[in-house]
C-alpha atoms as a PDB file:
ATOM      1  CA  MET A   1      21.497 -14.822 -20.882  1.00  0.00           C
ATOM      2  CA  PRO A   2      22.483 -13.921 -24.436  1.00  0.00           C
ATOM      3  CA  VAL A   3      23.014 -10.263 -25.601  1.00  0.00           C
ATOM      4  CA  GLN A   4      20.541  -8.868 -28.265  1.00  0.00           C
ATOM      5  CA  ARG A   5      20.985  -5.878 -30.358  1.00  0.00           C
ATOM      6  CA  PHE A   6      18.051  -3.619 -31.477  1.00  0.00           C
ATOM      7  CA  ARG A   7      17.878  -0.908 -33.972  1.00  0.00           C
ATOM      8  CA  ASP A   8      15.231   1.136 -32.047  1.00  0.00           C
ATOM      9  CA  PHE A   9      13.315   1.055 -28.862  1.00  0.00           C
ATOM     10  CA  ASP A  10      10.191  -0.219 -30.308  1.00  0.00           C
ATOM     11  CA  ALA A  11      12.149  -3.486 -31.649  1.00  0.00           C
ATOM     12  CA  ALA A  12      13.462  -3.728 -27.968  1.00  0.00           C
ATOM     13  CA  ARG A  13       9.845  -3.351 -26.524  1.00  0.00           C
ATOM     14  CA  ARG A  14       8.572  -5.999 -28.780  1.00  0.00           C
ATOM     15  CA  ALA A  15      11.220  -8.506 -27.853  1.00  0.00           C
ATOM     16  CA  LEU A  16      10.134  -8.341 -24.220  1.00  0.00           C
ATOM     17  CA  TRP A  17       6.602  -9.573 -25.021  1.00  0.00           C
ATOM     18  CA  ALA A  18       5.834 -13.177 -25.381  1.00  0.00           C
ATOM     19  CA  THR A  19       2.808 -14.918 -27.066  1.00  0.00           C
ATOM     20  CA  ARG A  20       0.564 -17.492 -25.541  1.00  0.00           C
ATOM     21  CA  ASP A  21       2.192 -20.226 -27.872  1.00  0.00           C
ATOM     22  CA  ASP A  22       5.543 -19.367 -27.065  1.00  0.00           C
ATOM     23  CA  PRO A  23       7.233 -22.550 -25.804  1.00  0.00           C
ATOM     24  CA  ASN A  24       9.513 -20.588 -23.257  1.00  0.00           C
ATOM     25  CA  LEU A  25       6.681 -18.903 -21.749  1.00  0.00           C
ATOM     26  CA  ALA A  26       6.475 -21.072 -18.770  1.00  0.00           C
ATOM     27  CA  ALA A  27      10.107 -21.151 -18.170  1.00  0.00           C
ATOM     28  CA  ARG A  28      10.201 -17.187 -18.332  1.00  0.00           C
ATOM     29  CA  ILE A  29       7.281 -16.973 -15.823  1.00  0.00           C
ATOM     30  CA  ARG A  30       9.178 -19.404 -13.417  1.00  0.00           C
ATOM     31  CA  ARG A  31      12.348 -17.233 -13.603  1.00  0.00           C
ATOM     32  CA  LEU A  32      10.384 -14.162 -12.991  1.00  0.00           C
ATOM     33  CA  TRP A  33       8.560 -15.742  -9.841  1.00  0.00           C
ATOM     34  CA  ALA A  34      12.034 -16.981  -8.469  1.00  0.00           C
ATOM     35  CA  ILE A  35      13.471 -13.603  -8.856  1.00  0.00           C
ATOM     36  CA  SER A  36      10.714 -11.823  -7.340  1.00  0.00           C
ATOM     37  CA  SER A  37      10.608 -14.277  -4.350  1.00  0.00           C
ATOM     38  CA  ARG A  38      14.321 -13.755  -3.877  1.00  0.00           C
ATOM     39  CA  LEU A  39      13.875 -10.043  -3.881  1.00  0.00           C
ATOM     40  CA  VAL A  40      10.665  -9.890  -1.712  1.00  0.00           C
ATOM     41  CA  PRO A  41       9.861 -13.140   0.036  1.00  0.00           C
ATOM     42  CA  LEU A  42       6.492 -12.362   1.360  1.00  0.00           C
ATOM     43  CA  GLY A  43       5.540 -15.328   3.600  1.00  0.00           C
ATOM     44  CA  ILE A  44       1.876 -14.105   3.637  1.00  0.00           C
ATOM     45  CA  PRO A  45      -0.288 -16.109   6.033  1.00  0.00           C
ATOM     46  CA  ARG A  46      -2.369 -18.570   4.012  1.00  0.00           C
ATOM     47  CA  GLY A  47      -6.112 -19.324   4.340  1.00  0.00           C
ATOM     48  CA  VAL A  48      -9.280 -17.380   5.357  1.00  0.00           C
ATOM     49  CA  ARG A  49      -9.718 -15.997   8.755  1.00  0.00           C
ATOM     50  CA  LYS A  50     -12.860 -14.757  10.436  1.00  0.00           C
ATOM     51  CA  PHE A  51     -12.916 -12.128  13.113  1.00  0.00           C
ATOM     52  CA  ARG A  52     -15.738 -10.978  15.502  1.00  0.00           C
ATOM     53  CA  ARG A  53     -14.695  -7.364  15.095  1.00  0.00           C
ATOM     54  CA  ILE A  54     -12.519  -5.289  12.645  1.00  0.00           C
ATOM     55  CA  GLU A  55     -10.226  -4.529  15.537  1.00  0.00           C
ATOM     56  CA  GLU A  56      -9.177  -8.115  15.858  1.00  0.00           C
ATOM     57  CA  ALA A  57      -8.338  -8.285  12.238  1.00  0.00           C
ATOM     58  CA  ASN A  58      -6.352  -5.063  12.306  1.00  0.00           C
ATOM     59  CA  ARG A  59      -4.390  -6.489  15.314  1.00  0.00           C
ATOM     60  CA  GLU A  60      -3.530  -9.619  13.442  1.00  0.00           C
ATOM     61  CA  ARG A  61      -2.646  -7.699  10.424  1.00  0.00           C
ATOM     62  CA  GLU A  62      -0.419  -5.405  12.390  1.00  0.00           C
ATOM     63  CA  ALA A  63       1.234  -8.272  14.174  1.00  0.00           C
ATOM     64  CA  TRP A  64       2.032  -9.915  10.839  1.00  0.00           C
ATOM     65  CA  VAL A  65       3.502  -6.567   9.400  1.00  0.00           C
ATOM     66  CA  GLU A  66       5.633  -6.335  12.626  1.00  0.00           C
ATOM     67  CA  ARG A  67       6.833  -9.882  12.229  1.00  0.00           C
ATOM     68  CA  ARG A  68       7.848  -9.341   8.694  1.00  0.00           C
ATOM     69  CA  VAL A  69       9.538  -5.974   9.380  1.00  0.00           C
ATOM     70  CA  LYS A  70      11.656  -7.832  12.065  1.00  0.00           C
ATOM     71  CA  ALA A  71      12.507 -10.620   9.723  1.00  0.00           C
ATOM     72  CA  LEU A  72      13.422  -8.372   6.986  1.00  0.00           C
ATOM     73  CA  ARG A  73      15.648  -6.193   9.302  1.00  0.00           C
ATOM     74  CA  ARG A  74      17.260  -9.279  10.634  1.00  0.00           C
ATOM     75  CA  GLU A  75      17.952 -10.710   7.141  1.00  0.00           C
ATOM     76  CA  ARG A  76      19.333  -7.404   6.080  1.00  0.00           C
ATOM     77  CA  ARG A  77      21.665  -7.247   9.261  1.00  0.00           C
ATOM     78  CA  ASN A  78      22.937 -10.604   8.484  1.00  0.00           C
ATOM     79  CA  ARG A  79      23.801  -9.803   4.898  1.00  0.00           C
ATOM     80  CA  SER A  80      25.722  -6.721   5.833  1.00  0.00           C
ATOM     81  CA  ALA A  81      27.572  -8.570   8.685  1.00  0.00           C
END
């Protein structure tokens, strides 16, 4: 990534913005998504689910959160080892 120099903060802020017709916009979005997915890979269950009771929905959500927490802990333990 090239280094840019700015005379003031406003010029730096303007450099962060991209217009709709910017030819590099799609590449910038792909880079942002790639970075964010590496930082926080969500793995959210896809699709729509129906439940008879709110308690069933809450149990599924809690189970998903618990699996996610365990996966993150396992991943961080592997990185530190």
